[in-house]
Amino acid sequence: MDRLAMILWNMWNERNNHLFNNKKAEEWEVVGRALSYYEEFTAARQKEEERREPTPVKWRKPPTGWIKINVDVAVFAGEGTGSGVVARDWSGLCMLAAVRRDRRQWKPAIAELKAMDEGGD
């Protein structure tokens, strides 16, 4: 069923490409591309099943008088980065929360530093 769906989606996509971009692909190219996508999809799904369940991490408050800053970054290949920053005081009060999408492609460590820097602005 997944294979059929992939072929139908590629046929629809190629139809749109022909209608709106005046580009036409041969039928064997469309089916070949669909099967290639299907193989990639199947391989990615198998890798996903092999991954372990993540261990839940609970937030721990900082010592009295301190502020704790948590940063998380997601890097999207070819699409840039997304980041989030949360700052809480020792009682758990949220002092700052920010999210940002950046079209530039940063390495994760750099993206986290930028998120901390820009989150404080």
PDB file of N, CA and C in Angstrom:
ATOM      1  N   MET A   1       0.821  -1.194   0.000  1.00  0.00           N
ATOM      2  CA  MET A   1       0.000   0.000   0.000  1.00  0.00           C
ATOM      3  C   MET A   1       0.868   1.262   0.000  1.00  0.00           C
ATOM      4  N   ASP A   2       1.969   1.270   0.800  1.00  0.00           N
ATOM      5  CA  ASP A   2       2.860   2.424   0.829  1.00  0.00           C
ATOM      6  C   ASP A   2       3.471   2.671  -0.544  1.00  0.00           C
ATOM      7  N   ARG A   3       3.850   1.599  -1.216  1.00  0.00           N
ATOM      8  CA  ARG A   3       4.474   1.725  -2.536  1.00  0.00           C
ATOM      9  C   ARG A   3       3.487   2.356  -3.530  1.00  0.00           C
ATOM     10  N   LEU A   4       2.249   1.887  -3.518  1.00  0.00           N
ATOM     11  CA  LEU A   4       1.223   2.435  -4.407  1.00  0.00           C
ATOM     12  C   LEU A   4       0.991   3.915  -4.107  1.00  0.00           C
ATOM     13  N   ALA A   5       0.912   4.256  -2.834  1.00  0.00           N
ATOM     14  CA  ALA A   5       0.710   5.650  -2.445  1.00  0.00           C
ATOM     15  C   ALA A   5       1.865   6.519  -2.941  1.00  0.00           C
ATOM     16  N   MET A   6       3.087   6.008  -2.848  1.00  0.00           N
ATOM     17  CA  MET A   6       4.252   6.762  -3.298  1.00  0.00           C
ATOM     18  C   MET A   6       4.211   6.974  -4.815  1.00  0.00           C
ATOM     19  N   ILE A   7       3.807   5.953  -5.564  1.00  0.00           N
ATOM     20  CA  ILE A   7       3.699   6.079  -7.024  1.00  0.00           C
ATOM     21  C   ILE A   7       2.612   7.088  -7.384  1.00  0.00           C
ATOM     22  N   LEU A   8       1.447   6.991  -6.741  1.00  0.00           N
ATOM     23  CA  LEU A   8       0.350   7.921  -7.028  1.00  0.00           C
ATOM     24  C   LEU A   8       0.731   9.361  -6.684  1.00  0.00           C
ATOM     25  N   TRP A   9       1.413   9.547  -5.562  1.00  0.00           N
ATOM     26  CA  TRP A   9       1.838  10.891  -5.177  1.00  0.00           C
ATOM     27  C   TRP A   9       2.801  11.453  -6.216  1.00  0.00           C
ATOM     28  N   ASN A  10       3.749  10.633  -6.681  1.00  0.00           N
ATOM     29  CA  ASN A  10       4.698  11.093  -7.692  1.00  0.00           C
ATOM     30  C   ASN A  10       4.006  11.413  -9.013  1.00  0.00           C
ATOM     31  N   MET A  11       3.006  10.620  -9.371  1.00  0.00           N
ATOM     32  CA  MET A  11       2.253  10.909 -10.597  1.00  0.00           C
ATOM     33  C   MET A  11       1.537  12.258 -10.474  1.00  0.00           C
ATOM     34  N   TRP A  12       0.906  12.489  -9.335  1.00  0.00           N
ATOM     35  CA  TRP A  12       0.216  13.752  -9.092  1.00  0.00           C
ATOM     36  C   TRP A  12       1.212  14.917  -9.112  1.00  0.00           C
ATOM     37  N   ASN A  13       2.371  14.718  -8.463  1.00  0.00           N
ATOM     38  CA  ASN A  13       3.398  15.749  -8.404  1.00  0.00           C
ATOM     39  C   ASN A  13       3.923  16.081  -9.806  1.00  0.00           C
ATOM     40  N   GLU A  14       4.166  15.052 -10.611  1.00  0.00           N
ATOM     41  CA  GLU A  14       4.645  15.263 -11.979  1.00  0.00           C
ATOM     42  C   GLU A  14       3.584  15.941 -12.842  1.00  0.00           C
ATOM     43  N   ARG A  15       2.326  15.609 -12.614  1.00  0.00           N
ATOM     44  CA  ARG A  15       1.232  16.275 -13.331  1.00  0.00           C
ATOM     45  C   ARG A  15       1.263  17.762 -13.042  1.00  0.00           C
ATOM     46  N   ASN A  16       1.407  18.121 -11.753  1.00  0.00           N
ATOM     47  CA  ASN A  16       1.478  19.531 -11.366  1.00  0.00           C
ATOM     48  C   ASN A  16       2.708  20.204 -11.961  1.00  0.00           C
ATOM     49  N   ASN A  17       3.819  19.486 -11.966  1.00  0.00           N
ATOM     50  CA  ASN A  17       5.052  20.014 -12.537  1.00  0.00           C
ATOM     51  C   ASN A  17       4.859  20.308 -14.027  1.00  0.00           C
ATOM     52  N   HIS A  18       4.130  19.438 -14.706  1.00  0.00           N
ATOM     53  CA  HIS A  18       3.856  19.632 -16.136  1.00  0.00           C
ATOM     54  C   HIS A  18       2.897  20.805 -16.353  1.00  0.00           C
ATOM     55  N   LEU A  19       1.834  20.874 -15.556  1.00  0.00           N
ATOM     56  CA  LEU A  19       0.839  21.938 -15.716  1.00  0.00           C
ATOM     57  C   LEU A  19       1.371  23.324 -15.368  1.00  0.00           C
ATOM     58  N   PHE A  20       2.093  23.418 -14.242  1.00  0.00           N
ATOM     59  CA  PHE A  20       2.481  24.723 -13.729  1.00  0.00           C
ATOM     60  C   PHE A  20       3.896  25.150 -14.101  1.00  0.00           C
ATOM     61  N   ASN A  21       4.769  24.198 -14.406  1.00  0.00           N
ATOM     62  CA  ASN A  21       6.159  24.532 -14.740  1.00  0.00           C
ATOM     63  C   ASN A  21       6.532  24.133 -16.162  1.00  0.00           C
ATOM     64  N   ASN A  22       5.580  23.566 -16.884  1.00  0.00           N
ATOM     65  CA  ASN A  22       5.792  23.130 -18.260  1.00  0.00           C
ATOM     66  C   ASN A  22       6.972  22.156 -18.384  1.00  0.00           C
ATOM     67  N   LYS A  23       7.137  21.287 -17.392  1.00  0.00           N
ATOM     68  CA  LYS A  23       8.190  20.266 -17.409  1.00  0.00           C
ATOM     69  C   LYS A  23       7.523  18.906 -17.489  1.00  0.00           C
ATOM     70  N   LYS A  24       8.029  18.072 -18.374  1.00  0.00           N
ATOM     71  CA  LYS A  24       7.442  16.740 -18.530  1.00  0.00           C
ATOM     72  C   LYS A  24       8.518  15.689 -18.326  1.00  0.00           C
ATOM     73  N   ALA A  25       8.234  14.713 -17.486  1.00  0.00           N
ATOM     74  CA  ALA A  25       9.142  13.591 -17.240  1.00  0.00           C
ATOM     75  C   ALA A  25       8.575  12.355 -17.921  1.00  0.00           C
ATOM     76  N   GLU A  26       9.458  11.463 -18.286  1.00  0.00           N
ATOM     77  CA  GLU A  26       9.035  10.187 -18.867  1.00  0.00           C
ATOM     78  C   GLU A  26       8.382   9.346 -17.774  1.00  0.00           C
ATOM     79  N   GLU A  27       7.473   8.456 -18.183  1.00  0.00           N
ATOM     80  CA  GLU A  27       6.751   7.617 -17.219  1.00  0.00           C
ATOM     81  C   GLU A  27       7.708   6.774 -16.392  1.00  0.00           C
ATOM     82  N   TRP A  28       8.731   6.219 -17.039  1.00  0.00           N
ATOM     83  CA  TRP A  28       9.680   5.363 -16.313  1.00  0.00           C
ATOM     84  C   TRP A  28      10.450   6.164 -15.276  1.00  0.00           C
ATOM     85  N   GLU A  29      10.669   7.488 -15.531  1.00  0.00           N
ATOM     86  CA  GLU A  29      11.350   8.337 -14.552  1.00  0.00           C
ATOM     87  C   GLU A  29      10.467   8.546 -13.321  1.00  0.00           C
ATOM     88  N   VAL A  30       9.178   8.759 -13.566  1.00  0.00           N
ATOM     89  CA  VAL A  30       8.234   8.995 -12.467  1.00  0.00           C
ATOM     90  C   VAL A  30       8.158   7.766 -11.569  1.00  0.00           C
ATOM     91  N   VAL A  31       8.001   6.597 -12.170  1.00  0.00           N
ATOM     92  CA  VAL A  31       7.912   5.358 -11.385  1.00  0.00           C
ATOM     93  C   VAL A  31       9.244   5.080 -10.695  1.00  0.00           C
ATOM     94  N   GLY A  32      10.357   5.289 -11.404  1.00  0.00           N
ATOM     95  CA  GLY A  32      11.679   5.072 -10.801  1.00  0.00           C
ATOM     96  C   GLY A  32      11.913   5.966  -9.604  1.00  0.00           C
ATOM     97  N   ARG A  33      11.529   7.243  -9.738  1.00  0.00           N
ATOM     98  CA  ARG A  33      11.681   8.184  -8.634  1.00  0.00           C
ATOM     99  C   ARG A  33      10.791   7.769  -7.468  1.00  0.00           C
ATOM    100  N   ALA A  34       9.582   7.338  -7.762  1.00  0.00           N
ATOM    101  CA  ALA A  34       8.653   6.902  -6.714  1.00  0.00           C
ATOM    102  C   ALA A  34       9.214   5.710  -5.959  1.00  0.00           C
ATOM    103  N   LEU A  35       9.766   4.744  -6.675  1.00  0.00           N
ATOM    104  CA  LEU A  35      10.334   3.560  -6.017  1.00  0.00           C
ATOM    105  C   LEU A  35      11.565   3.929  -5.201  1.00  0.00           C
ATOM    106  N   SER A  36      12.353   4.871  -5.691  1.00  0.00           N
ATOM    107  CA  SER A  36      13.517   5.337  -4.937  1.00  0.00           C
ATOM    108  C   SER A  36      13.073   6.014  -3.637  1.00  0.00           C
ATOM    109  N   TYR A  37      12.042   6.874  -3.724  1.00  0.00           N
ATOM    110  CA  TYR A  37      11.493   7.510  -2.524  1.00  0.00           C
ATOM    111  C   TYR A  37      10.958   6.464  -1.554  1.00  0.00           C
ATOM    112  N   TYR A  38      10.312   5.457  -2.106  1.00  0.00           N
ATOM    113  CA  TYR A  38       9.755   4.397  -1.269  1.00  0.00           C
ATOM    114  C   TYR A  38      10.865   3.670  -0.509  1.00  0.00           C
ATOM    115  N   GLU A  39      11.975   3.369  -1.192  1.00  0.00           N
ATOM    116  CA  GLU A  39      13.102   2.698  -0.528  1.00  0.00           C
ATOM    117  C   GLU A  39      13.677   3.572   0.581  1.00  0.00           C
ATOM    118  N   GLU A  40      13.820   4.874   0.317  1.00  0.00           N
ATOM    119  CA  GLU A  40      14.314   5.793   1.345  1.00  0.00           C
ATOM    120  C   GLU A  40      13.352   5.845   2.534  1.00  0.00           C
ATOM    121  N   PHE A  41      12.065   5.914   2.237  1.00  0.00           N
ATOM    122  CA  PHE A  41      11.039   5.965   3.275  1.00  0.00           C
ATOM    123  C   PHE A  41      11.088   4.708   4.142  1.00  0.00           C
ATOM    124  N   THR A  42      11.195   3.543   3.495  1.00  0.00           N
ATOM    125  CA  THR A  42      11.243   2.270   4.220  1.00  0.00           C
ATOM    126  C   THR A  42      12.486   2.198   5.096  1.00  0.00           C
ATOM    127  N   ALA A  43      13.635   2.617   4.561  1.00  0.00           N
ATOM    128  CA  ALA A  43      14.881   2.597   5.336  1.00  0.00           C
ATOM    129  C   ALA A  43      14.793   3.538   6.532  1.00  0.00           C
ATOM    130  N   ALA A  44      14.222   4.718   6.331  1.00  0.00           N
ATOM    131  CA  ALA A  44      14.093   5.679   7.432  1.00  0.00           C
ATOM    132  C   ALA A  44      13.164   5.151   8.512  1.00  0.00           C
ATOM    133  N   ARG A  45      12.088   4.499   8.098  1.00  0.00           N
ATOM    134  CA  ARG A  45      11.142   3.947   9.072  1.00  0.00           C
ATOM    135  C   ARG A  45      11.787   2.830   9.882  1.00  0.00           C
ATOM    136  N   GLN A  46      12.622   2.013   9.242  1.00  0.00           N
ATOM    137  CA  GLN A  46      13.308   0.941   9.966  1.00  0.00           C
ATOM    138  C   GLN A  46      14.281   1.524  10.970  1.00  0.00           C
ATOM    139  N   LYS A  47      14.991   2.591  10.585  1.00  0.00           N
ATOM    140  CA  LYS A  47      15.912   3.236  11.518  1.00  0.00           C
ATOM    141  C   LYS A  47      15.154   3.799  12.708  1.00  0.00           C
ATOM    142  N   GLU A  48      13.983   4.364  12.444  1.00  0.00           N
ATOM    143  CA  GLU A  48      13.154   4.920  13.517  1.00  0.00           C
ATOM    144  C   GLU A  48      12.757   3.838  14.511  1.00  0.00           C
ATOM    145  N   GLU A  49      12.418   2.656  14.007  1.00  0.00           N
ATOM    146  CA  GLU A  49      12.020   1.557  14.880  1.00  0.00           C
ATOM    147  C   GLU A  49      13.190   1.044  15.711  1.00  0.00           C
ATOM    148  N   GLU A  50      14.421   1.199  15.189  1.00  0.00           N
ATOM    149  CA  GLU A  50      15.603   0.721  15.898  1.00  0.00           C
ATOM    150  C   GLU A  50      15.999   1.649  17.041  1.00  0.00           C
ATOM    151  N   ARG A  51      15.550   2.897  16.986  1.00  0.00           N
ATOM    152  CA  ARG A  51      15.925   3.857  18.027  1.00  0.00           C
ATOM    153  C   ARG A  51      15.290   3.484  19.356  1.00  0.00           C
ATOM    154  N   ARG A  52      16.029   3.774  20.410  1.00  0.00           N
ATOM    155  CA  ARG A  52      15.494   3.541  21.750  1.00  0.00           C
ATOM    156  C   ARG A  52      14.562   4.674  22.150  1.00  0.00           C
ATOM    157  N   GLU A  53      13.703   4.370  23.083  1.00  0.00           N
ATOM    158  CA  GLU A  53      12.845   5.409  23.641  1.00  0.00           C
ATOM    159  C   GLU A  53      13.725   6.361  24.453  1.00  0.00           C
ATOM    160  N   PRO A  54      13.536   7.664  24.300  1.00  0.00           N
ATOM    161  CA  PRO A  54      14.350   8.599  25.076  1.00  0.00           C
ATOM    162  C   PRO A  54      13.990   8.541  26.560  1.00  0.00           C
ATOM    163  N   THR A  55      14.978   8.770  27.386  1.00  0.00           N
ATOM    164  CA  THR A  55      14.765   8.810  28.824  1.00  0.00           C
ATOM    165  C   THR A  55      14.216  10.185  29.185  1.00  0.00           C
ATOM    166  N   PRO A  56      13.057  10.245  29.838  1.00  0.00           N
ATOM    167  CA  PRO A  56      12.507  11.554  30.200  1.00  0.00           C
ATOM    168  C   PRO A  56      13.457  12.303  31.132  1.00  0.00           C
ATOM    169  N   VAL A  57      13.606  13.587  30.881  1.00  0.00           N
ATOM    170  CA  VAL A  57      14.478  14.424  31.698  1.00  0.00           C
ATOM    171  C   VAL A  57      13.596  15.426  32.424  1.00  0.00           C
ATOM    172  N   LYS A  58      13.756  15.491  33.728  1.00  0.00           N
ATOM    173  CA  LYS A  58      12.955  16.412  34.522  1.00  0.00           C
ATOM    174  C   LYS A  58      13.783  17.653  34.838  1.00  0.00           C
ATOM    175  N   TRP A  59      13.142  18.804  34.744  1.00  0.00           N
ATOM    176  CA  TRP A  59      13.817  20.052  35.044  1.00  0.00           C
ATOM    177  C   TRP A  59      14.134  20.112  36.532  1.00  0.00           C
ATOM    178  N   ARG A  60      15.350  20.555  36.842  1.00  0.00           N
ATOM    179  CA  ARG A  60      15.753  20.734  38.243  1.00  0.00           C
ATOM    180  C   ARG A  60      16.047  22.207  38.482  1.00  0.00           C
ATOM    181  N   LYS A  61      15.520  22.719  39.559  1.00  0.00           N
ATOM    182  CA  LYS A  61      15.701  24.144  39.816  1.00  0.00           C
ATOM    183  C   LYS A  61      17.148  24.448  40.205  1.00  0.00           C
ATOM    184  N   PRO A  62      17.591  25.682  39.897  1.00  0.00           N
ATOM    185  CA  PRO A  62      18.950  26.078  40.269  1.00  0.00           C
ATOM    186  C   PRO A  62      19.002  26.475  41.746  1.00  0.00           C
ATOM    187  N   PRO A  63      20.192  26.682  42.273  1.00  0.00           N
ATOM    188  CA  PRO A  63      20.315  27.131  43.669  1.00  0.00           C
ATOM    189  C   PRO A  63      19.652  28.503  43.859  1.00  0.00           C
ATOM    190  N   THR A  64      19.264  28.801  45.078  1.00  0.00           N
ATOM    191  CA  THR A  64      18.625  30.079  45.401  1.00  0.00           C
ATOM    192  C   THR A  64      19.488  31.238  44.910  1.00  0.00           C
ATOM    193  N   GLY A  65      18.816  32.188  44.249  1.00  0.00           N
ATOM    194  CA  GLY A  65      19.514  33.364  43.734  1.00  0.00           C
ATOM    195  C   GLY A  65      20.029  33.202  42.309  1.00  0.00           C
ATOM    196  N   TRP A  66      19.897  32.019  41.765  1.00  0.00           N
ATOM    197  CA  TRP A  66      20.402  31.754  40.411  1.00  0.00           C
ATOM    198  C   TRP A  66      19.247  31.695  39.417  1.00  0.00           C
ATOM    199  N   ILE A  67      19.592  31.883  38.147  1.00  0.00           N
ATOM    200  CA  ILE A  67      18.637  31.719  37.048  1.00  0.00           C
ATOM    201  C   ILE A  67      19.180  30.625  36.144  1.00  0.00           C
ATOM    202  N   LYS A  68      18.311  29.703  35.781  1.00  0.00           N
ATOM    203  CA  LYS A  68      18.717  28.601  34.905  1.00  0.00           C
ATOM    204  C   LYS A  68      18.155  28.846  33.510  1.00  0.00           C
ATOM    205  N   ILE A  69      19.015  28.683  32.507  1.00  0.00           N
ATOM    206  CA  ILE A  69      18.617  28.879  31.112  1.00  0.00           C
ATOM    207  C   ILE A  69      18.703  27.543  30.392  1.00  0.00           C
ATOM    208  N   ASN A  70      17.591  27.131  29.801  1.00  0.00           N
ATOM    209  CA  ASN A  70      17.557  25.906  28.996  1.00  0.00           C
ATOM    210  C   ASN A  70      17.373  26.297  27.534  1.00  0.00           C
ATOM    211  N   VAL A  71      18.167  25.662  26.670  1.00  0.00           N
ATOM    212  CA  VAL A  71      18.139  25.949  25.235  1.00  0.00           C
ATOM    213  C   VAL A  71      17.992  24.639  24.489  1.00  0.00           C
ATOM    214  N   ASP A  72      17.185  24.662  23.441  1.00  0.00           N
ATOM    215  CA  ASP A  72      17.097  23.499  22.559  1.00  0.00           C
ATOM    216  C   ASP A  72      17.063  24.003  21.127  1.00  0.00           C
ATOM    217  N   VAL A  73      17.732  23.246  20.261  1.00  0.00           N
ATOM    218  CA  VAL A  73      17.851  23.641  18.862  1.00  0.00           C
ATOM    219  C   VAL A  73      17.513  22.458  17.981  1.00  0.00           C
ATOM    220  N   ALA A  74      16.851  22.723  16.881  1.00  0.00           N
ATOM    221  CA  ALA A  74      16.603  21.707  15.853  1.00  0.00           C
ATOM    222  C   ALA A  74      17.229  22.217  14.559  1.00  0.00           C
ATOM    223  N   VAL A  75      17.997  21.346  13.901  1.00  0.00           N
ATOM    224  CA  VAL A  75      18.631  21.706  12.635  1.00  0.00           C
ATOM    225  C   VAL A  75      17.914  20.951  11.530  1.00  0.00           C
ATOM    226  N   PHE A  76      17.383  21.689  10.562  1.00  0.00           N
ATOM    227  CA  PHE A  76      16.658  21.098   9.445  1.00  0.00           C
ATOM    228  C   PHE A  76      17.530  21.204   8.205  1.00  0.00           C
ATOM    229  N   ALA A  77      17.973  20.072   7.676  1.00  0.00           N
ATOM    230  CA  ALA A  77      18.877  20.057   6.527  1.00  0.00           C
ATOM    231  C   ALA A  77      18.321  20.904   5.387  1.00  0.00           C
ATOM    232  N   GLY A  78      19.078  21.894   4.990  1.00  0.00           N
ATOM    233  CA  GLY A  78      18.690  22.743   3.876  1.00  0.00           C
ATOM    234  C   GLY A  78      17.605  23.758   4.182  1.00  0.00           C
ATOM    235  N   GLU A  79      17.075  23.757   5.389  1.00  0.00           N
ATOM    236  CA  GLU A  79      15.973  24.665   5.720  1.00  0.00           C
ATOM    237  C   GLU A  79      16.295  25.609   6.869  1.00  0.00           C
ATOM    238  N   GLY A  80      17.440  25.464   7.507  1.00  0.00           N
ATOM    239  CA  GLY A  80      17.804  26.349   8.598  1.00  0.00           C
ATOM    240  C   GLY A  80      17.666  25.689   9.958  1.00  0.00           C
ATOM    241  N   THR A  81      17.494  26.531  10.980  1.00  0.00           N
ATOM    242  CA  THR A  81      17.426  26.037  12.352  1.00  0.00           C
ATOM    243  C   THR A  81      16.228  26.641  13.077  1.00  0.00           C
ATOM    244  N   GLY A  82      15.784  25.945  14.098  1.00  0.00           N
ATOM    245  CA  GLY A  82      14.761  26.449  14.994  1.00  0.00           C
ATOM    246  C   GLY A  82      15.310  26.342  16.408  1.00  0.00           C
ATOM    247  N   SER A  83      15.006  27.310  17.248  1.00  0.00           N
ATOM    248  CA  SER A  83      15.542  27.259  18.605  1.00  0.00           C
ATOM    249  C   SER A  83      14.514  27.767  19.607  1.00  0.00           C
ATOM    250  N   GLY A  84      14.696  27.322  20.831  1.00  0.00           N
ATOM    251  CA  GLY A  84      13.853  27.762  21.925  1.00  0.00           C
ATOM    252  C   GLY A  84      14.693  27.985  23.167  1.00  0.00           C
ATOM    253  N   VAL A  85      14.356  29.009  23.930  1.00  0.00           N
ATOM    254  CA  VAL A  85      15.084  29.348  25.153  1.00  0.00           C
ATOM    255  C   VAL A  85      14.062  29.573  26.260  1.00  0.00           C
ATOM    256  N   VAL A  86      14.350  29.031  27.443  1.00  0.00           N
ATOM    257  CA  VAL A  86      13.518  29.275  28.618  1.00  0.00           C
ATOM    258  C   VAL A  86      14.453  29.598  29.775  1.00  0.00           C
ATOM    259  N   ALA A  87      14.167  30.681  30.481  1.00  0.00           N
ATOM    260  CA  ALA A  87      14.940  31.057  31.666  1.00  0.00           C
ATOM    261  C   ALA A  87      13.992  31.051  32.858  1.00  0.00           C
ATOM    262  N   ARG A  88      14.393  30.335  33.919  1.00  0.00           N
ATOM    263  CA  ARG A  88      13.573  30.256  35.141  1.00  0.00           C
ATOM    264  C   ARG A  88      14.443  30.572  36.354  1.00  0.00           C
ATOM    265  N   ASP A  89      13.814  31.167  37.342  1.00  0.00           N
ATOM    266  CA  ASP A  89      14.564  31.432  38.565  1.00  0.00           C
ATOM    267  C   ASP A  89      14.517  30.221  39.494  1.00  0.00           C
ATOM    268  N   TRP A  90      15.104  30.352  40.669  1.00  0.00           N
ATOM    269  CA  TRP A  90      15.215  29.245  41.623  1.00  0.00           C
ATOM    270  C   TRP A  90      13.876  28.739  42.139  1.00  0.00           C
ATOM    271  N   SER A  91      12.805  29.565  42.000  1.00  0.00           N
ATOM    272  CA  SER A  91      11.480  29.110  42.443  1.00  0.00           C
ATOM    273  C   SER A  91      10.694  28.466  41.299  1.00  0.00           C
ATOM    274  N   GLY A  92      11.271  28.474  40.084  1.00  0.00           N
ATOM    275  CA  GLY A  92      10.595  27.900  38.924  1.00  0.00           C
ATOM    276  C   GLY A  92       9.831  28.925  38.108  1.00  0.00           C
ATOM    277  N   LEU A  93       9.865  30.201  38.534  1.00  0.00           N
ATOM    278  CA  LEU A  93       9.174  31.264  37.816  1.00  0.00           C
ATOM    279  C   LEU A  93       9.833  31.482  36.454  1.00  0.00           C
ATOM    280  N   CYS A  94       9.028  31.465  35.406  1.00  0.00           N
ATOM    281  CA  CYS A  94       9.535  31.686  34.050  1.00  0.00           C
ATOM    282  C   CYS A  94       9.812  33.173  33.871  1.00  0.00           C
ATOM    283  N   MET A  95      11.060  33.496  33.609  1.00  0.00           N
ATOM    284  CA  MET A  95      11.464  34.885  33.439  1.00  0.00           C
ATOM    285  C   MET A  95      11.581  35.270  31.969  1.00  0.00           C
ATOM    286  N   LEU A  96      11.764  34.257  31.115  1.00  0.00           N
ATOM    287  CA  LEU A  96      11.905  34.509  29.686  1.00  0.00           C
ATOM    288  C   LEU A  96      11.596  33.227  28.931  1.00  0.00           C
ATOM    289  N   ALA A  97      10.893  33.355  27.832  1.00  0.00           N
ATOM    290  CA  ALA A  97      10.670  32.226  26.927  1.00  0.00           C
ATOM    291  C   ALA A  97      10.676  32.797  25.517  1.00  0.00           C
ATOM    292  N   ALA A  98      11.430  32.168  24.635  1.00  0.00           N
ATOM    293  CA  ALA A  98      11.525  32.668  23.265  1.00  0.00           C
ATOM    294  C   ALA A  98      11.728  31.511  22.298  1.00  0.00           C
ATOM    295  N   VAL A  99      11.172  31.665  21.112  1.00  0.00           N
ATOM    296  CA  VAL A  99      11.412  30.706  20.030  1.00  0.00           C
ATOM    297  C   VAL A  99      11.813  31.504  18.798  1.00  0.00           C
ATOM    298  N   ARG A 100      12.569  30.838  17.923  1.00  0.00           N
ATOM    299  CA  ARG A 100      13.026  31.527  16.725  1.00  0.00           C
ATOM    300  C   ARG A 100      13.309  30.538  15.612  1.00  0.00           C
ATOM    301  N   ARG A 101      13.013  30.952  14.405  1.00  0.00           N
ATOM    302  CA  ARG A 101      13.352  30.183  13.205  1.00  0.00           C
ATOM    303  C   ARG A 101      14.370  31.001  12.430  1.00  0.00           C
ATOM    304  N   ASP A 102      15.445  30.366  12.007  1.00  0.00           N
ATOM    305  CA  ASP A 102      16.504  31.045  11.265  1.00  0.00           C
ATOM    306  C   ASP A 102      16.752  30.270   9.981  1.00  0.00           C
ATOM    307  N   ARG A 103      16.703  30.918   8.859  1.00  0.00           N
ATOM    308  CA  ARG A 103      16.891  30.239   7.573  1.00  0.00           C
ATOM    309  C   ARG A 103      18.348  29.846   7.327  1.00  0.00           C
ATOM    310  N   ARG A 104      19.260  30.416   8.083  1.00  0.00           N
ATOM    311  CA  ARG A 104      20.671  30.056   7.912  1.00  0.00           C
ATOM    312  C   ARG A 104      20.933  28.679   8.501  1.00  0.00           C
ATOM    313  N   GLN A 105      21.895  27.993   7.937  1.00  0.00           N
ATOM    314  CA  GLN A 105      22.229  26.628   8.355  1.00  0.00           C
ATOM    315  C   GLN A 105      23.393  26.680   9.346  1.00  0.00           C
ATOM    316  N   TRP A 106      23.083  26.639  10.640  1.00  0.00           N
ATOM    317  CA  TRP A 106      24.119  26.669  11.669  1.00  0.00           C
ATOM    318  C   TRP A 106      24.410  25.258  12.154  1.00  0.00           C
ATOM    319  N   LYS A 107      25.618  25.045  12.641  1.00  0.00           N
ATOM    320  CA  LYS A 107      25.917  23.796  13.343  1.00  0.00           C
ATOM    321  C   LYS A 107      25.182  23.873  14.684  1.00  0.00           C
ATOM    322  N   PRO A 108      24.778  22.727  15.254  1.00  0.00           N
ATOM    323  CA  PRO A 108      23.974  22.761  16.489  1.00  0.00           C
ATOM    324  C   PRO A 108      24.590  23.580  17.624  1.00  0.00           C
ATOM    325  N   ALA A 109      25.889  23.427  17.871  1.00  0.00           N
ATOM    326  CA  ALA A 109      26.518  24.158  18.979  1.00  0.00           C
ATOM    327  C   ALA A 109      26.452  25.668  18.747  1.00  0.00           C
ATOM    328  N   ILE A 110      26.684  26.102  17.514  1.00  0.00           N
ATOM    329  CA  ILE A 110      26.613  27.530  17.191  1.00  0.00           C
ATOM    330  C   ILE A 110      25.173  28.022  17.317  1.00  0.00           C
ATOM    331  N   ALA A 111      24.228  27.234  16.842  1.00  0.00           N
ATOM    332  CA  ALA A 111      22.813  27.615  16.925  1.00  0.00           C
ATOM    333  C   ALA A 111      22.381  27.775  18.382  1.00  0.00           C
ATOM    334  N   GLU A 112      22.872  26.909  19.272  1.00  0.00           N
ATOM    335  CA  GLU A 112      22.530  27.028  20.694  1.00  0.00           C
ATOM    336  C   GLU A 112      23.121  28.301  21.289  1.00  0.00           C
ATOM    337  N   LEU A 113      24.357  28.620  20.943  1.00  0.00           N
ATOM    338  CA  LEU A 113      24.971  29.855  21.442  1.00  0.00           C
ATOM    339  C   LEU A 113      24.205  31.076  20.939  1.00  0.00           C
ATOM    340  N   LYS A 114      23.823  31.064  19.670  1.00  0.00           N
ATOM    341  CA  LYS A 114      23.059  32.178  19.113  1.00  0.00           C
ATOM    342  C   LYS A 114      21.697  32.292  19.801  1.00  0.00           C
ATOM    343  N   ALA A 115      21.070  31.159  20.092  1.00  0.00           N
ATOM    344  CA  ALA A 115      19.768  31.178  20.767  1.00  0.00           C
ATOM    345  C   ALA A 115      19.893  31.802  22.151  1.00  0.00           C
ATOM    346  N   MET A 116      20.950  31.451  22.886  1.00  0.00           N
ATOM    347  CA  MET A 116      21.153  32.036  24.218  1.00  0.00           C
ATOM    348  C   MET A 116      21.413  33.529  24.106  1.00  0.00           C
ATOM    349  N   ASP A 117      22.229  33.919  23.133  1.00  0.00           N
ATOM    350  CA  ASP A 117      22.563  35.328  22.954  1.00  0.00           C
ATOM    351  C   ASP A 117      21.327  36.136  22.563  1.00  0.00           C
ATOM    352  N   GLU A 118      20.564  35.646  21.597  1.00  0.00           N
ATOM    353  CA  GLU A 118      19.402  36.380  21.108  1.00  0.00           C
ATOM    354  C   GLU A 118      18.213  36.282  22.053  1.00  0.00           C
ATOM    355  N   GLY A 119      18.155  35.222  22.855  1.00  0.00           N
ATOM    356  CA  GLY A 119      17.059  35.075  23.811  1.00  0.00           C
ATOM    357  C   GLY A 119      17.115  36.119  24.904  1.00  0.00           C
ATOM    358  N   GLY A 120      18.307  36.621  25.181  1.00  0.00           N
ATOM    359  CA  GLY A 120      18.473  37.625  26.221  1.00  0.00           C
ATOM    360  C   GLY A 120      18.258  39.045  25.735  1.00  0.00           C
ATOM    361  N   ASP A 121      18.106  39.223  24.428  1.00  0.00           N
ATOM    362  CA  ASP A 121      17.906  40.580  23.872  1.00  0.00           C
ATOM    363  C   ASP A 121      16.510  41.079  24.117  1.00  0.00           C
TER     364      ASP A 121
END
